[in-house]
C-alpha atoms as a PDB file:
ATOM      1  CA  UNK A   1      88.929 -22.484-195.608  1.00  0.00           C
ATOM      2  CA  UNK A   2      92.045 -22.076-194.977  1.00  0.00           C
ATOM      3  CA  UNK A   3      93.311 -22.210-191.409  1.00  0.00           C
ATOM      4  CA  UNK A   4      96.944 -21.639-191.835  1.00  0.00           C
ATOM      5  CA  UNK A   5      97.711 -18.216-190.193  1.00  0.00           C
ATOM      6  CA  UNK A   6      96.136 -19.333-186.500  1.00  0.00           C
ATOM      7  CA  UNK A   7      99.297 -21.674-186.725  1.00  0.00           C
ATOM      8  CA  UNK A   8     101.448 -18.699-186.264  1.00  0.00           C
ATOM      9  CA  UNK A   9      98.897 -16.950-183.352  1.00  0.00           C
ATOM     10  CA  UNK A  10      98.684 -20.670-181.201  1.00  0.00           C
ATOM     11  CA  UNK A  11     102.336 -21.391-181.360  1.00  0.00           C
ATOM     12  CA  UNK A  12     103.892 -17.398-181.323  1.00  0.00           C
ATOM     13  CA  UNK A  13     101.694 -15.437-179.896  1.00  0.00           C
ATOM     14  CA  UNK A  14      99.824 -16.681-176.994  1.00  0.00           C
ATOM     15  CA  UNK A  15     103.521 -17.711-175.436  1.00  0.00           C
ATOM     16  CA  UNK A  16     105.055 -14.005-176.257  1.00  0.00           C
ATOM     17  CA  UNK A  17     106.698 -12.189-173.714  1.00  0.00           C
ATOM     18  CA  UNK A  18     104.298  -9.184-173.873  1.00  0.00           C
ATOM     19  CA  UNK A  19     100.875  -9.776-172.067  1.00  0.00           C
ATOM     20  CA  UNK A  20      99.018  -7.448-175.264  1.00  0.00           C
ATOM     21  CA  UNK A  21     100.437  -9.982-178.125  1.00  0.00           C
ATOM     22  CA  UNK A  22      98.721 -12.526-175.742  1.00  0.00           C
ATOM     23  CA  UNK A  23      95.823 -11.123-175.007  1.00  0.00           C
ATOM     24  CA  UNK A  24      95.296  -9.946-178.295  1.00  0.00           C
ATOM     25  CA  UNK A  25      96.158 -13.386-179.929  1.00  0.00           C
ATOM     26  CA  UNK A  26      93.212 -15.131-176.856  1.00  0.00           C
ATOM     27  CA  UNK A  27      91.083 -11.950-178.597  1.00  0.00           C
ATOM     28  CA  UNK A  28      91.819 -13.297-182.470  1.00  0.00           C
ATOM     29  CA  UNK A  29      91.459 -16.874-181.460  1.00  0.00           C
ATOM     30  CA  UNK A  30      87.696 -15.917-180.104  1.00  0.00           C
ATOM     31  CA  UNK A  31      87.208 -14.341-183.074  1.00  0.00           C
ATOM     32  CA  UNK A  32      87.928 -16.820-185.439  1.00  0.00           C
ATOM     33  CA  UNK A  33      86.445 -19.823-183.558  1.00  0.00           C
ATOM     34  CA  UNK A  34      82.844 -18.517-182.387  1.00  0.00           C
ATOM     35  CA  UNK A  35      80.400 -20.140-184.519  1.00  0.00           C
ATOM     36  CA  UNK A  36      82.354 -21.695-186.772  1.00  0.00           C
ATOM     37  CA  UNK A  37      82.674 -25.198-185.956  1.00  0.00           C
ATOM     38  CA  UNK A  38      85.131 -26.188-189.108  1.00  0.00           C
ATOM     39  CA  UNK A  39      87.773 -23.622-187.204  1.00  0.00           C
ATOM     40  CA  UNK A  40      86.535 -25.033-183.204  1.00  0.00           C
ATOM     41  CA  UNK A  41      87.714 -28.107-185.074  1.00  0.00           C
ATOM     42  CA  UNK A  42      90.702 -27.170-186.038  1.00  0.00           C
ATOM     43  CA  UNK A  43      91.969 -25.409-183.497  1.00  0.00           C
ATOM     44  CA  UNK A  44      91.020 -28.330-180.934  1.00  0.00           C
ATOM     45  CA  UNK A  45      93.308 -30.261-182.943  1.00  0.00           C
ATOM     46  CA  UNK A  46      95.965 -28.256-182.999  1.00  0.00           C
ATOM     47  CA  UNK A  47      95.898 -28.432-178.499  1.00  0.00           C
ATOM     48  CA  UNK A  48      94.417 -24.642-177.972  1.00  0.00           C
ATOM     49  CA  UNK A  49      92.432 -25.590-175.743  1.00  0.00           C
ATOM     50  CA  UNK A  50      95.041 -26.473-173.012  1.00  0.00           C
ATOM     51  CA  UNK A  51      97.332 -23.436-173.755  1.00  0.00           C
ATOM     52  CA  UNK A  52      94.494 -21.292-173.237  1.00  0.00           C
ATOM     53  CA  UNK A  53      92.961 -22.670-170.283  1.00  0.00           C
ATOM     54  CA  UNK A  54      96.522 -22.685-168.841  1.00  0.00           C
ATOM     55  CA  UNK A  55      96.656 -18.598-169.576  1.00  0.00           C
ATOM     56  CA  UNK A  56      92.835 -18.338-167.981  1.00  0.00           C
ATOM     57  CA  UNK A  57      94.514 -19.633-164.824  1.00  0.00           C
ATOM     58  CA  UNK A  58      97.874 -18.823-164.005  1.00  0.00           C
ATOM     59  CA  UNK A  59      98.826 -15.612-166.926  1.00  0.00           C
ATOM     60  CA  UNK A  60     100.454 -12.986-164.668  1.00  0.00           C
ATOM     61  CA  UNK A  61      97.429 -10.316-166.696  1.00  0.00           C
ATOM     62  CA  UNK A  62      94.808  -9.830-165.980  1.00  0.00           C
ATOM     63  CA  UNK A  63      93.266  -9.030-169.430  1.00  0.00           C
ATOM     64  CA  UNK A  64      95.062 -12.222-171.218  1.00  0.00           C
ATOM     65  CA  UNK A  65      93.078 -14.318-168.264  1.00  0.00           C
ATOM     66  CA  UNK A  66      89.593 -12.406-169.249  1.00  0.00           C
ATOM     67  CA  UNK A  67      90.744 -13.170-172.904  1.00  0.00           C
ATOM     68  CA  UNK A  68      91.643 -16.931-172.280  1.00  0.00           C
ATOM     69  CA  UNK A  69      88.526 -17.537-170.670  1.00  0.00           C
ATOM     70  CA  UNK A  70      86.463 -16.055-173.544  1.00  0.00           C
ATOM     71  CA  UNK A  71      88.598 -17.786-175.937  1.00  0.00           C
ATOM     72  CA  UNK A  72      87.944 -20.712-174.006  1.00  0.00           C
ATOM     73  CA  UNK A  73      83.685 -19.873-173.809  1.00  0.00           C
ATOM     74  CA  UNK A  74      84.073 -20.013-178.066  1.00  0.00           C
ATOM     75  CA  UNK A  75      85.209 -23.450-177.739  1.00  0.00           C
ATOM     76  CA  UNK A  76      83.891 -25.131-175.506  1.00  0.00           C
ATOM     77  CA  UNK A  77      79.970 -23.743-175.909  1.00  0.00           C
ATOM     78  CA  UNK A  78      77.654 -25.580-178.388  1.00  0.00           C
ATOM     79  CA  UNK A  79      80.972 -27.684-179.455  1.00  0.00           C
ATOM     80  CA  UNK A  80      80.895 -31.514-178.117  1.00  0.00           C
ATOM     81  CA  UNK A  81      84.206 -32.309-178.791  1.00  0.00           C
ATOM     82  CA  UNK A  82      85.380 -29.037-177.220  1.00  0.00           C
ATOM     83  CA  UNK A  83      83.419 -29.766-173.764  1.00  0.00           C
ATOM     84  CA  UNK A  84      85.124 -33.327-174.349  1.00  0.00           C
ATOM     85  CA  UNK A  85      88.110 -32.031-173.841  1.00  0.00           C
ATOM     86  CA  UNK A  86      87.581 -29.568-171.696  1.00  0.00           C
ATOM     87  CA  UNK A  87      86.626 -32.242-169.340  1.00  0.00           C
ATOM     88  CA  UNK A  88      89.676 -34.071-169.878  1.00  0.00           C
ATOM     89  CA  UNK A  89      91.338 -30.767-169.157  1.00  0.00           C
ATOM     90  CA  UNK A  90      89.730 -30.565-166.379  1.00  0.00           C
ATOM     91  CA  UNK A  91      88.453 -27.013-167.363  1.00  0.00           C
ATOM     92  CA  UNK A  92      86.042 -26.993-164.823  1.00  0.00           C
ATOM     93  CA  UNK A  93      88.420 -26.928-161.783  1.00  0.00           C
ATOM     94  CA  UNK A  94      89.823 -23.546-163.721  1.00  0.00           C
ATOM     95  CA  UNK A  95      86.740 -21.910-163.914  1.00  0.00           C
ATOM     96  CA  UNK A  96      86.521 -22.806-159.978  1.00  0.00           C
ATOM     97  CA  UNK A  97      89.827 -21.322-159.043  1.00  0.00           C
ATOM     98  CA  UNK A  98      88.425 -18.427-161.744  1.00  0.00           C
ATOM     99  CA  UNK A  99      85.304 -17.327-159.931  1.00  0.00           C
ATOM    100  CA  UNK A 100      88.087 -17.041-156.951  1.00  0.00           C
ATOM    101  CA  UNK A 101      90.387 -14.412-158.108  1.00  0.00           C
ATOM    102  CA  UNK A 102      90.627 -11.138-157.150  1.00  0.00           C
ATOM    103  CA  UNK A 103      89.946 -10.350-161.028  1.00  0.00           C
ATOM    104  CA  UNK A 104      86.100  -9.073-160.961  1.00  0.00           C
ATOM    105  CA  UNK A 105      86.108 -10.039-164.546  1.00  0.00           C
ATOM    106  CA  UNK A 106      87.486 -13.300-164.969  1.00  0.00           C
ATOM    107  CA  UNK A 107      85.282 -14.089-162.022  1.00  0.00           C
ATOM    108  CA  UNK A 108      82.173 -12.855-163.613  1.00  0.00           C
ATOM    109  CA  UNK A 109      83.015 -14.424-166.950  1.00  0.00           C
ATOM    110  CA  UNK A 110      83.933 -17.861-165.000  1.00  0.00           C
ATOM    111  CA  UNK A 111      80.655 -17.978-163.296  1.00  0.00           C
ATOM    112  CA  UNK A 112      78.558 -17.164-166.728  1.00  0.00           C
ATOM    113  CA  UNK A 113      80.047 -20.213-168.219  1.00  0.00           C
ATOM    114  CA  UNK A 114      79.878 -22.460-165.980  1.00  0.00           C
ATOM    115  CA  UNK A 115      76.214 -21.557-165.516  1.00  0.00           C
ATOM    116  CA  UNK A 116      75.946 -21.912-169.040  1.00  0.00           C
ATOM    117  CA  UNK A 117      77.587 -25.236-169.669  1.00  0.00           C
ATOM    118  CA  UNK A 118      75.464 -26.613-166.186  1.00  0.00           C
ATOM    119  CA  UNK A 119      72.147 -25.623-167.996  1.00  0.00           C
ATOM    120  CA  UNK A 120      72.737 -26.697-171.278  1.00  0.00           C
ATOM    121  CA  UNK A 121      74.603 -30.414-169.869  1.00  0.00           C
ATOM    122  CA  UNK A 122      73.347 -30.818-166.763  1.00  0.00           C
ATOM    123  CA  UNK A 123      74.440 -34.434-167.126  1.00  0.00           C
ATOM    124  CA  UNK A 124      78.254 -33.700-166.056  1.00  0.00           C
ATOM    125  CA  UNK A 125      76.382 -32.081-162.354  1.00  0.00           C
ATOM    126  CA  UNK A 126      77.659 -35.103-160.525  1.00  0.00           C
ATOM    127  CA  UNK A 127      81.360 -34.419-162.052  1.00  0.00           C
ATOM    128  CA  UNK A 128      81.078 -30.985-160.664  1.00  0.00           C
ATOM    129  CA  UNK A 129      79.379 -31.952-157.300  1.00  0.00           C
ATOM    130  CA  UNK A 130      82.249 -34.738-156.896  1.00  0.00           C
ATOM    131  CA  UNK A 131      84.859 -32.004-156.598  1.00  0.00           C
ATOM    132  CA  UNK A 132      83.115 -29.979-154.098  1.00  0.00           C
ATOM    133  CA  UNK A 133      81.863 -27.345-155.973  1.00  0.00           C
ATOM    134  CA  UNK A 134      78.856 -26.533-153.831  1.00  0.00           C
ATOM    135  CA  UNK A 135      81.640 -25.833-150.659  1.00  0.00           C
ATOM    136  CA  UNK A 136      83.500 -23.570-153.492  1.00  0.00           C
ATOM    137  CA  UNK A 137      80.467 -21.696-154.738  1.00  0.00           C
ATOM    138  CA  UNK A 138      78.556 -20.954-150.957  1.00  0.00           C
ATOM    139  CA  UNK A 139      82.184 -19.791-149.957  1.00  0.00           C
ATOM    140  CA  UNK A 140      82.086 -17.438-153.157  1.00  0.00           C
ATOM    141  CA  UNK A 141      79.086 -16.551-151.938  1.00  0.00           C
ATOM    142  CA  UNK A 142      80.195 -15.332-148.313  1.00  0.00           C
ATOM    143  CA  UNK A 143      82.450 -12.992-150.509  1.00  0.00           C
ATOM    144  CA  UNK A 144      81.677  -8.967-150.399  1.00  0.00           C
ATOM    145  CA  UNK A 145      78.555  -8.827-153.063  1.00  0.00           C
ATOM    146  CA  UNK A 146      78.901  -8.750-156.483  1.00  0.00           C
ATOM    147  CA  UNK A 147      77.498  -9.092-159.197  1.00  0.00           C
ATOM    148  CA  UNK A 148      78.618 -12.251-160.535  1.00  0.00           C
ATOM    149  CA  UNK A 149      77.141 -13.438-157.281  1.00  0.00           C
ATOM    150  CA  UNK A 150      73.829 -13.754-159.193  1.00  0.00           C
ATOM    151  CA  UNK A 151      75.544 -16.522-161.745  1.00  0.00           C
ATOM    152  CA  UNK A 152      76.979 -18.670-158.577  1.00  0.00           C
ATOM    153  CA  UNK A 153      73.476 -18.330-157.161  1.00  0.00           C
ATOM    154  CA  UNK A 154      72.043 -20.045-160.834  1.00  0.00           C
ATOM    155  CA  UNK A 155      74.539 -22.559-160.927  1.00  0.00           C
ATOM    156  CA  UNK A 156      73.813 -23.805-157.537  1.00  0.00           C
ATOM    157  CA  UNK A 157      69.814 -23.796-158.602  1.00  0.00           C
ATOM    158  CA  UNK A 158      71.148 -26.415-161.388  1.00  0.00           C
ATOM    159  CA  UNK A 159      72.957 -28.048-159.386  1.00  0.00           C
ATOM    160  CA  UNK A 160      69.886 -29.077-156.575  1.00  0.00           C
ATOM    161  CA  UNK A 161      67.525 -29.586-159.423  1.00  0.00           C
ATOM    162  CA  UNK A 162      65.989 -33.131-159.260  1.00  0.00           C
ATOM    163  CA  UNK A 163      69.787 -33.701-158.737  1.00  0.00           C
ATOM    164  CA  UNK A 164      69.848 -35.678-154.637  1.00  0.00           C
ATOM    165  CA  UNK A 165      73.249 -35.809-154.124  1.00  0.00           C
ATOM    166  CA  UNK A 166      73.046 -31.712-154.738  1.00  0.00           C
ATOM    167  CA  UNK A 167      70.362 -31.480-152.831  1.00  0.00           C
ATOM    168  CA  UNK A 168      71.998 -33.312-149.691  1.00  0.00           C
ATOM    169  CA  UNK A 169      75.367 -31.154-150.204  1.00  0.00           C
ATOM    170  CA  UNK A 170      73.420 -27.771-149.858  1.00  0.00           C
ATOM    171  CA  UNK A 171      71.394 -29.104-147.313  1.00  0.00           C
ATOM    172  CA  UNK A 172      74.391 -30.275-144.772  1.00  0.00           C
ATOM    173  CA  UNK A 173      74.212 -28.297-141.569  1.00  0.00           C
ATOM    174  CA  UNK A 174      78.111 -27.384-141.458  1.00  0.00           C
ATOM    175  CA  UNK A 175      77.277 -25.108-144.785  1.00  0.00           C
ATOM    176  CA  UNK A 176      75.482 -22.796-142.891  1.00  0.00           C
ATOM    177  CA  UNK A 177      73.287 -21.968-146.419  1.00  0.00           C
ATOM    178  CA  UNK A 178      70.242 -21.311-145.579  1.00  0.00           C
ATOM    179  CA  UNK A 179      71.355 -18.591-143.065  1.00  0.00           C
ATOM    180  CA  UNK A 180      73.255 -17.111-145.265  1.00  0.00           C
ATOM    181  CA  UNK A 181      70.506 -17.275-148.265  1.00  0.00           C
ATOM    182  CA  UNK A 182      67.754 -15.293-145.500  1.00  0.00           C
ATOM    183  CA  UNK A 183      70.908 -12.815-145.144  1.00  0.00           C
ATOM    184  CA  UNK A 184      71.409 -12.237-148.736  1.00  0.00           C
ATOM    185  CA  UNK A 185      67.239 -11.966-149.681  1.00  0.00           C
ATOM    186  CA  UNK A 186      67.157  -9.599-146.604  1.00  0.00           C
ATOM    187  CA  UNK A 187      69.791  -7.450-148.122  1.00  0.00           C
ATOM    188  CA  UNK A 188      68.800  -7.806-151.714  1.00  0.00           C
ATOM    189  CA  UNK A 189      64.598  -6.831-151.139  1.00  0.00           C
ATOM    190  CA  UNK A 190      62.981  -3.782-152.540  1.00  0.00           C
ATOM    191  CA  UNK A 191      66.502  -3.494-154.571  1.00  0.00           C
ATOM    192  CA  UNK A 192      64.821  -3.973-158.229  1.00  0.00           C
ATOM    193  CA  UNK A 193      68.384  -4.022-159.906  1.00  0.00           C
ATOM    194  CA  UNK A 194      69.263  -7.359-157.757  1.00  0.00           C
ATOM    195  CA  UNK A 195      65.599  -9.509-158.349  1.00  0.00           C
ATOM    196  CA  UNK A 196      67.315 -11.709-160.594  1.00  0.00           C
ATOM    197  CA  UNK A 197      69.441 -12.669-157.841  1.00  0.00           C
ATOM    198  CA  UNK A 198      67.043 -12.407-155.338  1.00  0.00           C
ATOM    199  CA  UNK A 199      64.807 -15.138-157.326  1.00  0.00           C
ATOM    200  CA  UNK A 200      67.445 -17.457-157.168  1.00  0.00           C
ATOM    201  CA  UNK A 201      67.812 -17.172-153.513  1.00  0.00           C
ATOM    202  CA  UNK A 202      64.514 -17.914-152.626  1.00  0.00           C
ATOM    203  CA  UNK A 203      64.625 -20.704-155.059  1.00  0.00           C
ATOM    204  CA  UNK A 204      66.950 -22.118-153.409  1.00  0.00           C
ATOM    205  CA  UNK A 205      64.961 -21.603-149.796  1.00  0.00           C
ATOM    206  CA  UNK A 206      62.526 -23.444-151.421  1.00  0.00           C
ATOM    207  CA  UNK A 207      63.784 -26.756-152.928  1.00  0.00           C
ATOM    208  CA  UNK A 208      66.351 -26.724-149.896  1.00  0.00           C
ATOM    209  CA  UNK A 209      64.602 -26.043-146.960  1.00  0.00           C
ATOM    210  CA  UNK A 210      61.310 -26.449-148.028  1.00  0.00           C
ATOM    211  CA  UNK A 211      60.580 -22.104-147.164  1.00  0.00           C
ATOM    212  CA  UNK A 212      57.488 -21.075-149.611  1.00  0.00           C
ATOM    213  CA  UNK A 213      58.341 -18.367-151.614  1.00  0.00           C
ATOM    214  CA  UNK A 214      57.154 -14.657-150.228  1.00  0.00           C
ATOM    215  CA  UNK A 215      53.876 -13.587-152.334  1.00  0.00           C
ATOM    216  CA  UNK A 216      54.565 -10.773-154.198  1.00  0.00           C
ATOM    217  CA  UNK A 217      51.332 -10.207-155.818  1.00  0.00           C
ATOM    218  CA  UNK A 218      50.100  -7.061-153.813  1.00  0.00           C
ATOM    219  CA  UNK A 219      47.687  -8.955-151.639  1.00  0.00           C
ATOM    220  CA  UNK A 220      46.982  -8.518-148.255  1.00  0.00           C
ATOM    221  CA  UNK A 221      46.896 -12.385-146.567  1.00  0.00           C
END
């Protein structure tokens, strides 16, 4: 497989002054790398992940940031070498900042990638917890409701599942998580489109505060 054509994309197009060229370069890298281990290894060897994380974190163009994160995802999901590089480059911090941005698509994709990595690689929960991720995720949940909150709640569920430190962080009275979850559950109750998000709230209340989930089978008690 001849991969030299990607060198131009990495060396020039990702740094092009026009945002339209940068996001198309990131899109091309993602398309080439997705489910292609040989291409992924080549790109990782060329230092592509560092540049893509930088674009995700700091590019002034919203579309560039979203496409760069898509390319990051294609290099680290189900790719052990990519995940190791992601950890060395402090990729979780980039995702944290992405969830705090004012770019809705970037927030959604950052939360989704974090959820995927925590689900598939629970061994890295300690790394995430040491960064204060629980506190950051709860802060994100206090922002006006958005569809990406479902992924954020899913991340919290991953962090408390058979994880003493995650539970301790979530149970901190200073965090006010129980009250926040109660408020969100009331807000979401009866809205079918938010059912999965509601279930995450109920799982967290049960896991962290020993609250029994409500009976939803329609039977009178």
